Each structure stands twice: as C-alpha cells, then as structure tokens.
C-alpha atoms as a PDB file:
ATOM      1  CA  UNK A   1      23.721  -0.334  60.757  1.00  0.00           C
ATOM      2  CA  UNK A   2      23.722  -3.866  62.272  1.00  0.00           C
ATOM      3  CA  UNK A   3      22.110  -4.274  65.683  1.00  0.00           C
ATOM      4  CA  UNK A   4      22.198  -7.301  67.987  1.00  0.00           C
ATOM      5  CA  UNK A   5      18.811  -7.545  69.664  1.00  0.00           C
ATOM      6  CA  UNK A   6      18.729  -9.018  73.164  1.00  0.00           C
ATOM      7  CA  UNK A   7      15.929 -11.395  74.170  1.00  0.00           C
ATOM      8  CA  UNK A   8      14.443  -8.808  76.562  1.00  0.00           C
ATOM      9  CA  UNK A   9      13.684  -6.633  73.512  1.00  0.00           C
ATOM     10  CA  UNK A  10      12.245  -9.452  71.380  1.00  0.00           C
ATOM     11  CA  UNK A  11       9.882 -10.796  74.006  1.00  0.00           C
ATOM     12  CA  UNK A  12       7.473  -7.888  74.604  1.00  0.00           C
ATOM     13  CA  UNK A  13       5.199  -8.015  71.584  1.00  0.00           C
ATOM     14  CA  UNK A  14       4.597  -4.301  70.955  1.00  0.00           C
ATOM     15  CA  UNK A  15       8.266  -3.396  71.403  1.00  0.00           C
ATOM     16  CA  UNK A  16       9.288  -6.220  69.052  1.00  0.00           C
ATOM     17  CA  UNK A  17       6.707  -5.286  66.410  1.00  0.00           C
ATOM     18  CA  UNK A  18       7.756  -1.641  66.371  1.00  0.00           C
ATOM     19  CA  UNK A  19      11.479  -2.334  66.214  1.00  0.00           C
ATOM     20  CA  UNK A  20      11.298  -5.251  63.778  1.00  0.00           C
ATOM     21  CA  UNK A  21       8.912  -3.221  61.630  1.00  0.00           C
ATOM     22  CA  UNK A  22      11.710  -0.647  61.395  1.00  0.00           C
ATOM     23  CA  UNK A  23      14.166  -3.392  60.464  1.00  0.00           C
ATOM     24  CA  UNK A  24      11.790  -4.722  57.774  1.00  0.00           C
ATOM     25  CA  UNK A  25      11.608  -1.201  56.420  1.00  0.00           C
ATOM     26  CA  UNK A  26      15.401  -1.152  56.059  1.00  0.00           C
ATOM     27  CA  UNK A  27      16.167   1.299  58.830  1.00  0.00           C
ATOM     28  CA  UNK A  28      18.661  -1.140  60.376  1.00  0.00           C
ATOM     29  CA  UNK A  29      19.789  -4.764  60.068  1.00  0.00           C
ATOM     30  CA  UNK A  30      18.474  -6.931  62.898  1.00  0.00           C
ATOM     31  CA  UNK A  31      20.703  -9.639  64.364  1.00  0.00           C
ATOM     32  CA  UNK A  32      20.278 -12.270  67.095  1.00  0.00           C
ATOM     33  CA  UNK A  33      21.606 -15.711  67.925  1.00  0.00           C
ATOM     34  CA  UNK A  34      19.886 -19.064  68.394  1.00  0.00           C
ATOM     35  CA  UNK A  35      20.516 -18.731  72.097  1.00  0.00           C
ATOM     36  CA  UNK A  36      18.788 -15.355  72.228  1.00  0.00           C
ATOM     37  CA  UNK A  37      15.755 -16.830  70.470  1.00  0.00           C
ATOM     38  CA  UNK A  38      15.780 -19.755  72.893  1.00  0.00           C
ATOM     39  CA  UNK A  39      15.808 -17.336  75.838  1.00  0.00           C
ATOM     40  CA  UNK A  40      12.736 -15.641  74.370  1.00  0.00           C
ATOM     41  CA  UNK A  41      10.904 -18.967  74.003  1.00  0.00           C
ATOM     42  CA  UNK A  42      11.795 -20.045  77.553  1.00  0.00           C
ATOM     43  CA  UNK A  43      10.705 -16.698  79.008  1.00  0.00           C
ATOM     44  CA  UNK A  44       7.346 -17.023  77.210  1.00  0.00           C
ATOM     45  CA  UNK A  45       7.091 -20.591  78.530  1.00  0.00           C
ATOM     46  CA  UNK A  46       7.035 -19.262  82.091  1.00  0.00           C
ATOM     47  CA  UNK A  47       3.516 -17.994  81.295  1.00  0.00           C
ATOM     48  CA  UNK A  48       2.466 -21.475  80.215  1.00  0.00           C
ATOM     49  CA  UNK A  49       3.045 -24.090  77.521  1.00  0.00           C
ATOM     50  CA  UNK A  50       0.768 -22.383  75.033  1.00  0.00           C
ATOM     51  CA  UNK A  51       2.782 -19.192  75.293  1.00  0.00           C
ATOM     52  CA  UNK A  52       5.991 -21.021  74.530  1.00  0.00           C
ATOM     53  CA  UNK A  53       4.386 -22.682  71.504  1.00  0.00           C
ATOM     54  CA  UNK A  54       3.224 -19.283  70.322  1.00  0.00           C
ATOM     55  CA  UNK A  55       6.751 -17.803  70.807  1.00  0.00           C
ATOM     56  CA  UNK A  56       8.311 -20.642  68.857  1.00  0.00           C
ATOM     57  CA  UNK A  57       5.869 -19.927  66.042  1.00  0.00           C
ATOM     58  CA  UNK A  58       6.887 -16.266  66.111  1.00  0.00           C
ATOM     59  CA  UNK A  59      10.529 -17.303  66.060  1.00  0.00           C
ATOM     60  CA  UNK A  60       9.939 -19.487  63.014  1.00  0.00           C
ATOM     61  CA  UNK A  61       8.214 -16.540  61.282  1.00  0.00           C
ATOM     62  CA  UNK A  62      11.224 -14.324  62.080  1.00  0.00           C
ATOM     63  CA  UNK A  63      13.469 -16.864  60.371  1.00  0.00           C
ATOM     64  CA  UNK A  64      11.424 -16.433  57.199  1.00  0.00           C
ATOM     65  CA  UNK A  65      11.322 -12.626  57.462  1.00  0.00           C
ATOM     66  CA  UNK A  66      14.947 -12.211  58.461  1.00  0.00           C
ATOM     67  CA  UNK A  67      16.862 -15.117  56.896  1.00  0.00           C
ATOM     68  CA  UNK A  68      20.303 -13.567  57.547  1.00  0.00           C
ATOM     69  CA  UNK A  69      19.666 -12.329  61.092  1.00  0.00           C
ATOM     70  CA  UNK A  70      20.971 -15.336  63.019  1.00  0.00           C
ATOM     71  CA  UNK A  71      24.615 -15.048  64.041  1.00  0.00           C
ATOM     72  CA  UNK A  72      26.250 -18.414  64.729  1.00  0.00           C
ATOM     73  CA  UNK A  73      29.595 -18.951  66.403  1.00  0.00           C
ATOM     74  CA  UNK A  74      31.622 -21.568  68.292  1.00  0.00           C
ATOM     75  CA  UNK A  75      30.706 -21.398  71.990  1.00  0.00           C
ATOM     76  CA  UNK A  76      34.408 -21.458  72.883  1.00  0.00           C
ATOM     77  CA  UNK A  77      34.646 -17.939  71.438  1.00  0.00           C
ATOM     78  CA  UNK A  78      32.684 -16.664  74.444  1.00  0.00           C
ATOM     79  CA  UNK A  79      35.808 -17.158  76.595  1.00  0.00           C
ATOM     80  CA  UNK A  80      37.385 -14.104  74.966  1.00  0.00           C
ATOM     81  CA  UNK A  81      34.868 -11.739  76.548  1.00  0.00           C
ATOM     82  CA  UNK A  82      33.778 -10.559  79.971  1.00  0.00           C
ATOM     83  CA  UNK A  83      30.626  -8.870  81.266  1.00  0.00           C
ATOM     84  CA  UNK A  84      29.335  -8.232  84.813  1.00  0.00           C
ATOM     85  CA  UNK A  85      26.704 -10.926  84.247  1.00  0.00           C
ATOM     86  CA  UNK A  86      28.331 -14.011  82.683  1.00  0.00           C
ATOM     87  CA  UNK A  87      24.903 -15.100  81.415  1.00  0.00           C
ATOM     88  CA  UNK A  88      25.021 -12.192  78.903  1.00  0.00           C
ATOM     89  CA  UNK A  89      28.406 -12.924  77.376  1.00  0.00           C
ATOM     90  CA  UNK A  90      26.728 -14.779  74.535  1.00  0.00           C
ATOM     91  CA  UNK A  91      25.015 -11.578  73.450  1.00  0.00           C
ATOM     92  CA  UNK A  92      28.324  -9.683  73.344  1.00  0.00           C
ATOM     93  CA  UNK A  93      30.020 -12.547  71.528  1.00  0.00           C
ATOM     94  CA  UNK A  94      27.285 -12.705  68.909  1.00  0.00           C
ATOM     95  CA  UNK A  95      27.440  -8.934  68.422  1.00  0.00           C
ATOM     96  CA  UNK A  96      31.203  -9.021  67.862  1.00  0.00           C
ATOM     97  CA  UNK A  97      31.090 -12.118  65.560  1.00  0.00           C
ATOM     98  CA  UNK A  98      28.134 -10.626  63.694  1.00  0.00           C
ATOM     99  CA  UNK A  99      30.002  -7.363  63.000  1.00  0.00           C
ATOM    100  CA  UNK A 100      27.291  -5.379  64.747  1.00  0.00           C
ATOM    101  CA  UNK A 101      27.430  -1.691  65.504  1.00  0.00           C
ATOM    102  CA  UNK A 102      25.662  -2.082  68.808  1.00  0.00           C
ATOM    103  CA  UNK A 103      23.444  -4.033  71.161  1.00  0.00           C
ATOM    104  CA  UNK A 104      19.775  -3.237  71.748  1.00  0.00           C
ATOM    105  CA  UNK A 105      18.871  -4.188  75.287  1.00  0.00           C
ATOM    106  CA  UNK A 106      16.844  -3.175  78.343  1.00  0.00           C
ATOM    107  CA  UNK A 107      19.702  -4.320  80.609  1.00  0.00           C
ATOM    108  CA  UNK A 108      22.070  -1.347  80.646  1.00  0.00           C
ATOM    109  CA  UNK A 109      23.919  -2.418  83.801  1.00  0.00           C
ATOM    110  CA  UNK A 110      24.753  -5.806  82.254  1.00  0.00           C
ATOM    111  CA  UNK A 111      26.357  -4.149  79.212  1.00  0.00           C
ATOM    112  CA  UNK A 112      28.630  -1.369  80.455  1.00  0.00           C
ATOM    113  CA  UNK A 113      29.477   1.160  77.747  1.00  0.00           C
ATOM    114  CA  UNK A 114      33.225   1.050  78.541  1.00  0.00           C
ATOM    115  CA  UNK A 115      33.354  -2.718  77.917  1.00  0.00           C
ATOM    116  CA  UNK A 116      31.272  -2.433  74.759  1.00  0.00           C
ATOM    117  CA  UNK A 117      33.449   0.459  73.604  1.00  0.00           C
ATOM    118  CA  UNK A 118      36.515  -1.816  73.757  1.00  0.00           C
ATOM    119  CA  UNK A 119      34.724  -3.895  71.103  1.00  0.00           C
ATOM    120  CA  UNK A 120      33.606  -0.833  69.101  1.00  0.00           C
ATOM    121  CA  UNK A 121      29.990  -1.464  70.088  1.00  0.00           C
ATOM    122  CA  UNK A 122      27.286   0.952  71.205  1.00  0.00           C
ATOM    123  CA  UNK A 123      24.441   0.135  73.579  1.00  0.00           C
ATOM    124  CA  UNK A 124      20.931   1.372  72.963  1.00  0.00           C
ATOM    125  CA  UNK A 125      17.777   1.053  74.984  1.00  0.00           C
ATOM    126  CA  UNK A 126      14.721   0.309  72.798  1.00  0.00           C
ATOM    127  CA  UNK A 127      12.968   3.585  73.546  1.00  0.00           C
ATOM    128  CA  UNK A 128      16.016   5.710  72.742  1.00  0.00           C
ATOM    129  CA  UNK A 129      16.805   3.649  69.644  1.00  0.00           C
ATOM    130  CA  UNK A 130      13.227   4.017  68.351  1.00  0.00           C
ATOM    131  CA  UNK A 131      13.472   7.796  68.902  1.00  0.00           C
ATOM    132  CA  UNK A 132      16.678   7.837  66.884  1.00  0.00           C
ATOM    133  CA  UNK A 133      14.946   5.985  64.053  1.00  0.00           C
ATOM    134  CA  UNK A 134      11.956   8.344  64.315  1.00  0.00           C
ATOM    135  CA  UNK A 135      14.302  11.314  63.942  1.00  0.00           C
ATOM    136  CA  UNK A 136      15.905   9.778  60.875  1.00  0.00           C
ATOM    137  CA  UNK A 137      12.728   8.470  59.184  1.00  0.00           C
ATOM    138  CA  UNK A 138       9.645  10.070  60.795  1.00  0.00           C
ATOM    139  CA  UNK A 139       7.093   8.959  58.193  1.00  0.00           C
ATOM    140  CA  UNK A 140       8.309   5.361  58.183  1.00  0.00           C
ATOM    141  CA  UNK A 141       8.393   4.971  61.957  1.00  0.00           C
ATOM    142  CA  UNK A 142       5.080   6.750  62.441  1.00  0.00           C
ATOM    143  CA  UNK A 143       3.468   4.439  59.883  1.00  0.00           C
ATOM    144  CA  UNK A 144       4.891   1.358  61.613  1.00  0.00           C
ATOM    145  CA  UNK A 145       3.702   2.579  65.007  1.00  0.00           C
ATOM    146  CA  UNK A 146       0.236   3.273  63.573  1.00  0.00           C
ATOM    147  CA  UNK A 147       0.086  -0.268  62.206  1.00  0.00           C
ATOM    148  CA  UNK A 148       1.088  -1.695  65.606  1.00  0.00           C
ATOM    149  CA  UNK A 149      -1.563   0.457  67.284  1.00  0.00           C
ATOM    150  CA  UNK A 150      -4.197  -0.716  64.827  1.00  0.00           C
ATOM    151  CA  UNK A 151      -3.324  -4.350  65.529  1.00  0.00           C
ATOM    152  CA  UNK A 152      -3.377  -3.768  69.286  1.00  0.00           C
ATOM    153  CA  UNK A 153      -6.825  -2.217  68.942  1.00  0.00           C
ATOM    154  CA  UNK A 154      -7.996  -5.099  66.783  1.00  0.00           C
ATOM    155  CA  UNK A 155      -6.905  -7.627  69.444  1.00  0.00           C
ATOM    156  CA  UNK A 156      -7.997  -5.656  72.482  1.00  0.00           C
ATOM    157  CA  UNK A 157     -11.395  -5.287  74.112  1.00  0.00           C
ATOM    158  CA  UNK A 158     -10.690  -1.652  75.014  1.00  0.00           C
ATOM    159  CA  UNK A 159      -9.240   0.902  72.599  1.00  0.00           C
ATOM    160  CA  UNK A 160      -5.577   1.908  72.942  1.00  0.00           C
ATOM    161  CA  UNK A 161      -4.100   5.310  72.336  1.00  0.00           C
ATOM    162  CA  UNK A 162      -0.564   5.592  70.977  1.00  0.00           C
ATOM    163  CA  UNK A 163       1.018   7.123  74.057  1.00  0.00           C
ATOM    164  CA  UNK A 164      -0.533   4.583  76.461  1.00  0.00           C
ATOM    165  CA  UNK A 165       0.387   1.630  74.248  1.00  0.00           C
ATOM    166  CA  UNK A 166       3.984   2.746  73.934  1.00  0.00           C
ATOM    167  CA  UNK A 167       4.192   3.438  77.661  1.00  0.00           C
ATOM    168  CA  UNK A 168       2.943  -0.095  78.394  1.00  0.00           C
ATOM    169  CA  UNK A 169       5.533  -1.385  75.927  1.00  0.00           C
ATOM    170  CA  UNK A 170       8.264   0.448  77.918  1.00  0.00           C
ATOM    171  CA  UNK A 171       8.763   2.991  75.158  1.00  0.00           C
ATOM    172  CA  UNK A 172       7.230   6.108  76.741  1.00  0.00           C
ATOM    173  CA  UNK A 173       9.452   8.686  75.017  1.00  0.00           C
ATOM    174  CA  UNK A 174       8.548   7.225  71.614  1.00  0.00           C
ATOM    175  CA  UNK A 175       4.860   7.404  72.528  1.00  0.00           C
ATOM    176  CA  UNK A 176       5.155  11.004  73.592  1.00  0.00           C
ATOM    177  CA  UNK A 177       7.060  11.944  70.435  1.00  0.00           C
ATOM    178  CA  UNK A 178       4.519  10.178  68.218  1.00  0.00           C
ATOM    179  CA  UNK A 179       1.661  11.899  70.029  1.00  0.00           C
ATOM    180  CA  UNK A 180       3.341  15.306  69.564  1.00  0.00           C
ATOM    181  CA  UNK A 181       3.865  14.640  65.868  1.00  0.00           C
ATOM    182  CA  UNK A 182       0.223  13.623  65.281  1.00  0.00           C
END
C-alpha cells in the first residue's frame, strides 16, 4: 500500500517516528514530494533558524532511508485537480502521480473523501491509520511504539508513559490501544 504523507504528519516528531517506523518495517510504502518536505522545513523554521536546520537534516536522513519515496511531477499537472484549499492541490497531485492508495493527513476538511474517491484515493488520519497498522501487525507496531517511547524518555527530563506520549502526539486512540495491549 502506497501512502502520500502530508507535511502536517511529518512535522510532529513522535507521530513521524511511529508512522515512518511502520514504513521502514514494510507495513506500507511512504511517499511525499519535495514541496511537502519544504513545507515541513518552513514550518519548523517558524520556531527558529536552528529548528529549520534540524528539520533539513531530518529530511536528508529520510532521503537515505526512503530513496524512492519522493514523487516528482511537472507543476502544470496540478491544474487537473481541485480541492477546497488550493494550497493542498500539490499533495493530491503527488498522490495521483505517485500511484498512491491514499493520503495521510490531519486536514480532513481540505481533502474531502468524495473528491479523493474520484481519484481512487482514500484519506486517513494518522491515529486511525496507526490503529489499522496495529490491527494488522500488533507486534511490529507495538515494538516501534516502545522504541519511540524509549527515545522520548531518553531525551526528556520527566518520564513519559505510552498513552500520554501518544496523546501529546495527537494519536490518542493508538496510545489507548497500546496501553490496553500491554
């Protein structure tokens, strides 16, 4: 399954680490465009120049980990598509050009299911998508989440618990499901 990942999913660290951990484990094929990656870097830059530098380093690392993830297309191809927010048409275009099965985004209202359906695309929110992956591969997803939790605890002054970390990462249903499974 090929999934176009919107910038709003790549930017929060914990959410990105859980979902891309699942992609690295082969549970789905991650896709994005150069423009999506640039949106991530610019969003991080709003927190300061050091944050943008850090994001660009993360983006470079993604290129090494996912060498076939970037979908490139001629910008004129965007004119074939319409979305309520014209600033998101590039995500839809990349998903279609990249032969994706769906778009992973936090912005449901900007990607109406009826419009995506016309292009044979699904829309997933990160929490729901992670739950789907947990259902399909519980041991793999649990292990990835445990690794992300361990790293968060390593970097944090106060200890995290799975449910609280996933809630902060805007993946509360995943956190609850992982806590129940533990």
